[in-house]
Amino acid sequence: MMIGGIRIAAQEGITEQEIRDILHEEKALWQAKGRRLGEVSLTLDGDEIIVKATERSPIKRIRRITGYLSTSDRFNDAKQAELSQRIAHS
């Protein structure tokens, strides 16, 4: 389930209201630290709800073309052509 752009994995037995309340608290904690909440996992342990949260982290692919490290969106036309003509060796 997604709520406000945050992926939520909740074990059966946790109510939607509990999920929303916990999410609200977690978002506030992460924002206070200057971080962005990405995913929350909620599991039951007896009467307790165990909360595991991870930060949103955009993963970018960095490539090395003829000695230059960069994301491919920053390559000029020649580097883009070189990238498209590459052969993968296994």
PDB file of N, CA and C in Angstrom:
ATOM      1  N   MET A   1       0.854  -1.171   0.000  1.00  0.00           N
ATOM      2  CA  MET A   1       0.000   0.000   0.000  1.00  0.00           C
ATOM      3  C   MET A   1       0.896   1.229   0.000  1.00  0.00           C
ATOM      4  N   MET A   2       0.435   2.287  -0.623  1.00  0.00           N
ATOM      5  CA  MET A   2       1.151   3.565  -0.651  1.00  0.00           C
ATOM      6  C   MET A   2       0.278   4.623   0.008  1.00  0.00           C
ATOM      7  N   ILE A   3       0.878   5.402   0.887  1.00  0.00           N
ATOM      8  CA  ILE A   3       0.185   6.527   1.514  1.00  0.00           C
ATOM      9  C   ILE A   3       1.119   7.726   1.428  1.00  0.00           C
ATOM     10  N   GLY A   4       0.682   8.744   0.730  1.00  0.00           N
ATOM     11  CA  GLY A   4       1.484   9.963   0.615  1.00  0.00           C
ATOM     12  C   GLY A   4       2.856   9.739   0.006  1.00  0.00           C
ATOM     13  N   GLY A   5       2.955   8.802  -0.937  1.00  0.00           N
ATOM     14  CA  GLY A   5       4.227   8.523  -1.586  1.00  0.00           C
ATOM     15  C   GLY A   5       5.164   7.641  -0.776  1.00  0.00           C
ATOM     16  N   ILE A   6       4.676   7.116   0.337  1.00  0.00           N
ATOM     17  CA  ILE A   6       5.490   6.245   1.187  1.00  0.00           C
ATOM     18  C   ILE A   6       4.925   4.832   1.107  1.00  0.00           C
ATOM     19  N   ARG A   7       5.801   3.892   0.810  1.00  0.00           N
ATOM     20  CA  ARG A   7       5.380   2.491   0.709  1.00  0.00           C
ATOM     21  C   ARG A   7       5.197   1.928   2.116  1.00  0.00           C
ATOM     22  N   ILE A   8       4.056   1.294   2.340  1.00  0.00           N
ATOM     23  CA  ILE A   8       3.730   0.720   3.646  1.00  0.00           C
ATOM     24  C   ILE A   8       3.505  -0.780   3.480  1.00  0.00           C
ATOM     25  N   ALA A   9       4.196  -1.568   4.286  1.00  0.00           N
ATOM     26  CA  ALA A   9       3.962  -3.006   4.350  1.00  0.00           C
ATOM     27  C   ALA A   9       3.491  -3.296   5.767  1.00  0.00           C
ATOM     28  N   ALA A  10       2.222  -3.660   5.907  1.00  0.00           N
ATOM     29  CA  ALA A  10       1.654  -3.878   7.239  1.00  0.00           C
ATOM     30  C   ALA A  10       1.105  -5.294   7.349  1.00  0.00           C
ATOM     31  N   GLN A  11       1.448  -5.932   8.438  1.00  0.00           N
ATOM     32  CA  GLN A  11       0.959  -7.275   8.709  1.00  0.00           C
ATOM     33  C   GLN A  11      -0.544  -7.234   8.936  1.00  0.00           C
ATOM     34  N   GLU A  12      -1.212  -8.296   8.520  1.00  0.00           N
ATOM     35  CA  GLU A  12      -2.650  -8.399   8.738  1.00  0.00           C
ATOM     36  C   GLU A  12      -2.929  -8.324  10.236  1.00  0.00           C
ATOM     37  N   GLY A  13      -3.958  -7.581  10.600  1.00  0.00           N
ATOM     38  CA  GLY A  13      -4.302  -7.404  12.004  1.00  0.00           C
ATOM     39  C   GLY A  13      -4.011  -5.998  12.500  1.00  0.00           C
ATOM     40  N   ILE A  14      -3.266  -5.229  11.701  1.00  0.00           N
ATOM     41  CA  ILE A  14      -2.999  -3.830  12.043  1.00  0.00           C
ATOM     42  C   ILE A  14      -4.031  -2.993  11.297  1.00  0.00           C
ATOM     43  N   THR A  15      -4.767  -2.178  12.033  1.00  0.00           N
ATOM     44  CA  THR A  15      -5.853  -1.414  11.412  1.00  0.00           C
ATOM     45  C   THR A  15      -5.308  -0.265  10.568  1.00  0.00           C
ATOM     46  N   GLU A  16      -6.135   0.199   9.648  1.00  0.00           N
ATOM     47  CA  GLU A  16      -5.738   1.319   8.800  1.00  0.00           C
ATOM     48  C   GLU A  16      -5.493   2.572   9.634  1.00  0.00           C
ATOM     49  N   GLN A  17      -6.278   2.762  10.685  1.00  0.00           N
ATOM     50  CA  GLN A  17      -6.073   3.929  11.553  1.00  0.00           C
ATOM     51  C   GLN A  17      -4.733   3.834  12.277  1.00  0.00           C
ATOM     52  N   GLU A  18      -4.373   2.646  12.750  1.00  0.00           N
ATOM     53  CA  GLU A  18      -3.066   2.463  13.392  1.00  0.00           C
ATOM     54  C   GLU A  18      -1.937   2.752  12.400  1.00  0.00           C
ATOM     55  N   ILE A  19      -2.106   2.291  11.176  1.00  0.00           N
ATOM     56  CA  ILE A  19      -1.103   2.535  10.136  1.00  0.00           C
ATOM     57  C   ILE A  19      -0.934   4.033   9.915  1.00  0.00           C
ATOM     58  N   ARG A  20      -2.043   4.735   9.758  1.00  0.00           N
ATOM     59  CA  ARG A  20      -1.985   6.185   9.508  1.00  0.00           C
ATOM     60  C   ARG A  20      -1.372   6.940  10.691  1.00  0.00           C
ATOM     61  N   ASP A  21      -1.716   6.537  11.913  1.00  0.00           N
ATOM     62  CA  ASP A  21      -1.158   7.195  13.105  1.00  0.00           C
ATOM     63  C   ASP A  21       0.356   6.989  13.198  1.00  0.00           C
ATOM     64  N   ILE A  22       0.796   5.756  12.980  1.00  0.00           N
ATOM     65  CA  ILE A  22       2.227   5.453  13.037  1.00  0.00           C
ATOM     66  C   ILE A  22       2.960   6.188  11.921  1.00  0.00           C
ATOM     67  N   LEU A  23       2.382   6.199  10.735  1.00  0.00           N
ATOM     68  CA  LEU A  23       3.003   6.897   9.610  1.00  0.00           C
ATOM     69  C   LEU A  23       3.164   8.386   9.912  1.00  0.00           C
ATOM     70  N   HIS A  24       2.148   8.976  10.503  1.00  0.00           N
ATOM     71  CA  HIS A  24       2.209  10.397  10.860  1.00  0.00           C
ATOM     72  C   HIS A  24       3.366  10.662  11.835  1.00  0.00           C
ATOM     73  N   GLU A  25       3.503   9.807  12.849  1.00  0.00           N
ATOM     74  CA  GLU A  25       4.583   9.952  13.831  1.00  0.00           C
ATOM     75  C   GLU A  25       5.954   9.758  13.185  1.00  0.00           C
ATOM     76  N   GLU A  26       6.074   8.733  12.346  1.00  0.00           N
ATOM     77  CA  GLU A  26       7.355   8.449  11.691  1.00  0.00           C
ATOM     78  C   GLU A  26       7.775   9.585  10.767  1.00  0.00           C
ATOM     79  N   LYS A  27       6.822  10.118   9.998  1.00  0.00           N
ATOM     80  CA  LYS A  27       7.140  11.230   9.098  1.00  0.00           C
ATOM     81  C   LYS A  27       7.674  12.417   9.887  1.00  0.00           C
ATOM     82  N   ALA A  28       7.054  12.713  11.021  1.00  0.00           N
ATOM     83  CA  ALA A  28       7.498  13.836  11.853  1.00  0.00           C
ATOM     84  C   ALA A  28       8.912  13.595  12.383  1.00  0.00           C
ATOM     85  N   LEU A  29       9.201  12.371  12.819  1.00  0.00           N
ATOM     86  CA  LEU A  29      10.538  12.046  13.320  1.00  0.00           C
ATOM     87  C   LEU A  29      11.593  12.200  12.228  1.00  0.00           C
ATOM     88  N   TRP A  30      11.297  11.693  11.045  1.00  0.00           N
ATOM     89  CA  TRP A  30      12.254  11.754   9.938  1.00  0.00           C
ATOM     90  C   TRP A  30      12.442  13.187   9.462  1.00  0.00           C
ATOM     91  N   GLN A  31      11.365  13.952   9.396  1.00  0.00           N
ATOM     92  CA  GLN A  31      11.479  15.347   8.958  1.00  0.00           C
ATOM     93  C   GLN A  31      12.297  16.165   9.951  1.00  0.00           C
ATOM     94  N   ALA A  32      12.167  15.872  11.240  1.00  0.00           N
ATOM     95  CA  ALA A  32      12.942  16.580  12.261  1.00  0.00           C
ATOM     96  C   ALA A  32      14.442  16.333  12.089  1.00  0.00           C
ATOM     97  N   LYS A  33      14.792  15.186  11.506  1.00  0.00           N
ATOM     98  CA  LYS A  33      16.197  14.851  11.253  1.00  0.00           C
ATOM     99  C   LYS A  33      16.656  15.336   9.876  1.00  0.00           C
ATOM    100  N   GLY A  34      15.747  15.948   9.118  1.00  0.00           N
ATOM    101  CA  GLY A  34      16.092  16.420   7.783  1.00  0.00           C
ATOM    102  C   GLY A  34      16.178  15.313   6.757  1.00  0.00           C
ATOM    103  N   ARG A  35      15.472  14.228   6.991  1.00  0.00           N
ATOM    104  CA  ARG A  35      15.499  13.077   6.088  1.00  0.00           C
ATOM    105  C   ARG A  35      14.114  12.799   5.539  1.00  0.00           C
ATOM    106  N   ARG A  36      14.078  12.048   4.435  1.00  0.00           N
ATOM    107  CA  ARG A  36      12.798  11.715   3.802  1.00  0.00           C
ATOM    108  C   ARG A  36      12.490  10.236   4.001  1.00  0.00           C
ATOM    109  N   LEU A  37      11.337   9.970   4.549  1.00  0.00           N
ATOM    110  CA  LEU A  37      10.885   8.609   4.798  1.00  0.00           C
ATOM    111  C   LEU A  37      10.508   7.951   3.479  1.00  0.00           C
ATOM    112  N   GLY A  38      10.998   6.736   3.250  1.00  0.00           N
ATOM    113  CA  GLY A  38      10.725   6.055   1.996  1.00  0.00           C
ATOM    114  C   GLY A  38       9.818   4.853   2.132  1.00  0.00           C
ATOM    115  N   GLU A  39      10.027   4.068   3.181  1.00  0.00           N
ATOM    116  CA  GLU A  39       9.259   2.839   3.339  1.00  0.00           C
ATOM    117  C   GLU A  39       9.111   2.513   4.817  1.00  0.00           C
ATOM    118  N   VAL A  40       7.945   1.995   5.180  1.00  0.00           N
ATOM    119  CA  VAL A  40       7.673   1.598   6.562  1.00  0.00           C
ATOM    120  C   VAL A  40       7.119   0.182   6.557  1.00  0.00           C
ATOM    121  N   SER A  41       7.677  -0.655   7.421  1.00  0.00           N
ATOM    122  CA  SER A  41       7.209  -2.024   7.586  1.00  0.00           C
ATOM    123  C   SER A  41       6.669  -2.167   9.003  1.00  0.00           C
ATOM    124  N   LEU A  42       5.446  -2.664   9.118  1.00  0.00           N
ATOM    125  CA  LEU A  42       4.794  -2.824  10.420  1.00  0.00           C
ATOM    126  C   LEU A  42       4.462  -4.295  10.639  1.00  0.00           C
ATOM    127  N   THR A  43       4.961  -4.851  11.734  1.00  0.00           N
ATOM    128  CA  THR A  43       4.662  -6.241  12.073  1.00  0.00           C
ATOM    129  C   THR A  43       4.193  -6.322  13.519  1.00  0.00           C
ATOM    130  N   LEU A  44       3.407  -7.334  13.797  1.00  0.00           N
ATOM    131  CA  LEU A  44       2.892  -7.550  15.151  1.00  0.00           C
ATOM    132  C   LEU A  44       3.812  -8.487  15.918  1.00  0.00           C
ATOM    133  N   ASP A  45       4.041  -8.149  17.185  1.00  0.00           N
ATOM    134  CA  ASP A  45       4.772  -9.003  18.114  1.00  0.00           C
ATOM    135  C   ASP A  45       3.966  -9.011  19.400  1.00  0.00           C
ATOM    136  N   GLY A  46       3.038  -9.940  19.485  1.00  0.00           N
ATOM    137  CA  GLY A  46       2.109  -9.945  20.614  1.00  0.00           C
ATOM    138  C   GLY A  46       1.182  -8.755  20.500  1.00  0.00           C
ATOM    139  N   ASP A  47       1.178  -7.902  21.528  1.00  0.00           N
ATOM    140  CA  ASP A  47       0.344  -6.697  21.517  1.00  0.00           C
ATOM    141  C   ASP A  47       1.082  -5.472  20.976  1.00  0.00           C
ATOM    142  N   GLU A  48       2.347  -5.644  20.616  1.00  0.00           N
ATOM    143  CA  GLU A  48       3.147  -4.511  20.139  1.00  0.00           C
ATOM    144  C   GLU A  48       3.252  -4.509  18.618  1.00  0.00           C
ATOM    145  N   ILE A  49       3.395  -3.311  18.076  1.00  0.00           N
ATOM    146  CA  ILE A  49       3.636  -3.160  16.644  1.00  0.00           C
ATOM    147  C   ILE A  49       5.098  -2.760  16.477  1.00  0.00           C
ATOM    148  N   ILE A  50       5.836  -3.572  15.737  1.00  0.00           N
ATOM    149  CA  ILE A  50       7.242  -3.301  15.458  1.00  0.00           C
ATOM    150  C   ILE A  50       7.316  -2.461  14.186  1.00  0.00           C
ATOM    151  N   VAL A  51       7.995  -1.320  14.280  1.00  0.00           N
ATOM    152  CA  VAL A  51       8.098  -0.387  13.155  1.00  0.00           C
ATOM    153  C   VAL A  51       9.528  -0.405  12.631  1.00  0.00           C
ATOM    154  N   LYS A  52       9.669  -0.682  11.334  1.00  0.00           N
ATOM    155  CA  LYS A  52      10.965  -0.585  10.663  1.00  0.00           C
ATOM    156  C   LYS A  52      10.793   0.415   9.529  1.00  0.00           C
ATOM    157  N   ALA A  53      11.618   1.441   9.534  1.00  0.00           N
ATOM    158  CA  ALA A  53      11.497   2.493   8.524  1.00  0.00           C
ATOM    159  C   ALA A  53      12.829   2.691   7.817  1.00  0.00           C
ATOM    160  N   THR A  54      12.753   2.981   6.524  1.00  0.00           N
ATOM    161  CA  THR A  54      13.958   3.248   5.745  1.00  0.00           C
ATOM    162  C   THR A  54      13.827   4.576   5.022  1.00  0.00           C
ATOM    163  N   GLU A  55      14.974   5.157   4.736  1.00  0.00           N
ATOM    164  CA  GLU A  55      15.026   6.463   4.091  1.00  0.00           C
ATOM    165  C   GLU A  55      14.814   6.329   2.586  1.00  0.00           C
ATOM    166  N   ARG A  56      14.183   7.331   2.013  1.00  0.00           N
ATOM    167  CA  ARG A  56      14.034   7.392   0.563  1.00  0.00           C
ATOM    168  C   ARG A  56      15.380   7.816   0.002  1.00  0.00           C
ATOM    169  N   SER A  57      15.864   7.022  -0.912  1.00  0.00           N
ATOM    170  CA  SER A  57      17.173   7.303  -1.490  1.00  0.00           C
ATOM    171  C   SER A  57      17.122   7.048  -2.985  1.00  0.00           C
ATOM    172  N   PRO A  58      17.146   8.105  -3.761  1.00  0.00           N
ATOM    173  CA  PRO A  58      17.120   7.885  -5.207  1.00  0.00           C
ATOM    174  C   PRO A  58      18.441   7.268  -5.666  1.00  0.00           C
ATOM    175  N   ILE A  59      18.360   6.107  -6.252  1.00  0.00           N
ATOM    176  CA  ILE A  59      19.556   5.430  -6.736  1.00  0.00           C
ATOM    177  C   ILE A  59      19.764   5.836  -8.183  1.00  0.00           C
ATOM    178  N   LYS A  60      20.937   6.333  -8.441  1.00  0.00           N
ATOM    179  CA  LYS A  60      21.277   6.738  -9.799  1.00  0.00           C
ATOM    180  C   LYS A  60      22.360   5.819 -10.321  1.00  0.00           C
ATOM    181  N   ARG A  61      22.306   5.588 -11.595  1.00  0.00           N
ATOM    182  CA  ARG A  61      23.322   4.770 -12.230  1.00  0.00           C
ATOM    183  C   ARG A  61      24.438   5.685 -12.718  1.00  0.00           C
ATOM    184  N   ILE A  62      25.627   5.431 -12.235  1.00  0.00           N
ATOM    185  CA  ILE A  62      26.801   6.193 -12.652  1.00  0.00           C
ATOM    186  C   ILE A  62      27.562   5.329 -13.651  1.00  0.00           C
ATOM    187  N   ARG A  63      27.955   5.934 -14.757  1.00  0.00           N
ATOM    188  CA  ARG A  63      28.680   5.190 -15.786  1.00  0.00           C
ATOM    189  C   ARG A  63      30.058   5.798 -15.993  1.00  0.00           C
ATOM    190  N   ARG A  64      30.949   4.957 -16.456  1.00  0.00           N
ATOM    191  CA  ARG A  64      32.293   5.418 -16.788  1.00  0.00           C
ATOM    192  C   ARG A  64      32.491   5.204 -18.280  1.00  0.00           C
ATOM    193  N   ILE A  65      32.560   6.285 -18.996  1.00  0.00           N
ATOM    194  CA  ILE A  65      32.795   6.236 -20.436  1.00  0.00           C
ATOM    195  C   ILE A  65      34.110   6.967 -20.685  1.00  0.00           C
ATOM    196  N   THR A  66      35.056   6.264 -21.250  1.00  0.00           N
ATOM    197  CA  THR A  66      36.395   6.805 -21.549  1.00  0.00           C
ATOM    198  C   THR A  66      36.947   7.667 -20.412  1.00  0.00           C
ATOM    199  N   GLY A  67      36.848   7.133 -19.209  1.00  0.00           N
ATOM    200  CA  GLY A  67      37.486   7.791 -18.082  1.00  0.00           C
ATOM    201  C   GLY A  67      36.656   8.812 -17.332  1.00  0.00           C
ATOM    202  N   TYR A  68      35.442   9.107 -17.788  1.00  0.00           N
ATOM    203  CA  TYR A  68      34.608  10.107 -17.126  1.00  0.00           C
ATOM    204  C   TYR A  68      33.487   9.417 -16.362  1.00  0.00           C
ATOM    205  N   LEU A  69      33.351   9.747 -15.086  1.00  0.00           N
ATOM    206  CA  LEU A  69      32.242   9.224 -14.290  1.00  0.00           C
ATOM    207  C   LEU A  69      31.125  10.250 -14.278  1.00  0.00           C
ATOM    208  N   SER A  70      29.935   9.817 -14.662  1.00  0.00           N
ATOM    209  CA  SER A  70      28.798  10.732 -14.679  1.00  0.00           C
ATOM    210  C   SER A  70      27.518   9.940 -14.868  1.00  0.00           C
ATOM    211  N   THR A  71      26.397  10.589 -14.635  1.00  0.00           N
ATOM    212  CA  THR A  71      25.119   9.985 -14.994  1.00  0.00           C
ATOM    213  C   THR A  71      24.933  10.205 -16.487  1.00  0.00           C
ATOM    214  N   SER A  72      24.280   9.264 -17.148  1.00  0.00           N
ATOM    215  CA  SER A  72      24.195   9.317 -18.611  1.00  0.00           C
ATOM    216  C   SER A  72      23.406  10.515 -19.126  1.00  0.00           C
ATOM    217  N   ASP A  73      22.550  11.114 -18.308  1.00  0.00           N
ATOM    218  CA  ASP A  73      21.799  12.284 -18.779  1.00  0.00           C
ATOM    219  C   ASP A  73      22.698  13.508 -18.958  1.00  0.00           C
ATOM    220  N   ARG A  74      23.915  13.449 -18.435  1.00  0.00           N
ATOM    221  CA  ARG A  74      24.842  14.580 -18.567  1.00  0.00           C
ATOM    222  C   ARG A  74      25.838  14.382 -19.707  1.00  0.00           C
ATOM    223  N   PHE A  75      25.780  13.238 -20.410  1.00  0.00           N
ATOM    224  CA  PHE A  75      26.695  12.982 -21.514  1.00  0.00           C
ATOM    225  C   PHE A  75      26.318  13.816 -22.727  1.00  0.00           C
ATOM    226  N   ASN A  76      27.341  14.231 -23.482  1.00  0.00           N
ATOM    227  CA  ASN A  76      27.068  14.927 -24.740  1.00  0.00           C
ATOM    228  C   ASN A  76      26.656  13.904 -25.801  1.00  0.00           C
ATOM    229  N   ASP A  77      26.357  14.358 -27.009  1.00  0.00           N
ATOM    230  CA  ASP A  77      25.863  13.462 -28.063  1.00  0.00           C
ATOM    231  C   ASP A  77      26.852  12.344 -28.385  1.00  0.00           C
ATOM    232  N   ALA A  78      28.136  12.666 -28.424  1.00  0.00           N
ATOM    233  CA  ALA A  78      29.145  11.654 -28.744  1.00  0.00           C
ATOM    234  C   ALA A  78      29.192  10.564 -27.673  1.00  0.00           C
ATOM    235  N   LYS A  79      29.142  10.961 -26.420  1.00  0.00           N
ATOM    236  CA  LYS A  79      29.149   9.980 -25.329  1.00  0.00           C
ATOM    237  C   LYS A  79      27.851   9.163 -25.317  1.00  0.00           C
ATOM    238  N   GLN A  80      26.725   9.797 -25.625  1.00  0.00           N
ATOM    239  CA  GLN A  80      25.449   9.071 -25.714  1.00  0.00           C
ATOM    240  C   GLN A  80      25.533   8.013 -26.808  1.00  0.00           C
ATOM    241  N   ALA A  81      26.117   8.378 -27.955  1.00  0.00           N
ATOM    242  CA  ALA A  81      26.265   7.423 -29.061  1.00  0.00           C
ATOM    243  C   ALA A  81      27.180   6.275 -28.645  1.00  0.00           C
ATOM    244  N   GLU A  82      28.279   6.596 -27.971  1.00  0.00           N
ATOM    245  CA  GLU A  82      29.202   5.562 -27.504  1.00  0.00           C
ATOM    246  C   GLU A  82      28.498   4.608 -26.540  1.00  0.00           C
ATOM    247  N   LEU A  83      27.697   5.155 -25.668  1.00  0.00           N
ATOM    248  CA  LEU A  83      26.955   4.344 -24.705  1.00  0.00           C
ATOM    249  C   LEU A  83      25.979   3.406 -25.409  1.00  0.00           C
ATOM    250  N   SER A  84      25.266   3.915 -26.404  1.00  0.00           N
ATOM    251  CA  SER A  84      24.270   3.086 -27.101  1.00  0.00           C
ATOM    252  C   SER A  84      24.921   1.997 -27.949  1.00  0.00           C
ATOM    253  N   GLN A  85      26.189   2.175 -28.332  1.00  0.00           N
ATOM    254  CA  GLN A  85      26.877   1.198 -29.177  1.00  0.00           C
ATOM    255  C   GLN A  85      27.699   0.194 -28.373  1.00  0.00           C
ATOM    256  N   ARG A  86      27.692   0.326 -27.068  1.00  0.00           N
ATOM    257  CA  ARG A  86      28.464  -0.589 -26.228  1.00  0.00           C
ATOM    258  C   ARG A  86      27.937  -2.013 -26.330  1.00  0.00           C
ATOM    259  N   ILE A  87      28.845  -2.959 -26.212  1.00  0.00           N
ATOM    260  CA  ILE A  87      28.501  -4.378 -26.211  1.00  0.00           C
ATOM    261  C   ILE A  87      28.769  -4.903 -24.805  1.00  0.00           C
ATOM    262  N   ALA A  88      27.785  -5.574 -24.239  1.00  0.00           N
ATOM    263  CA  ALA A  88      27.947  -6.142 -22.897  1.00  0.00           C
ATOM    264  C   ALA A  88      28.705  -7.457 -22.995  1.00  0.00           C
ATOM    265  N   HIS A  89      29.760  -7.588 -22.220  1.00  0.00           N
ATOM    266  CA  HIS A  89      30.550  -8.819 -22.179  1.00  0.00           C
ATOM    267  C   HIS A  89      30.276  -9.508 -20.852  1.00  0.00           C
ATOM    268  N   SER A  90      30.029 -10.799 -20.915  1.00  0.00           N
ATOM    269  CA  SER A  90      29.739 -11.500 -19.657  1.00  0.00           C
ATOM    270  C   SER A  90      30.874 -12.367 -19.206  1.00  0.00           C
TER     271      SER A  90
END
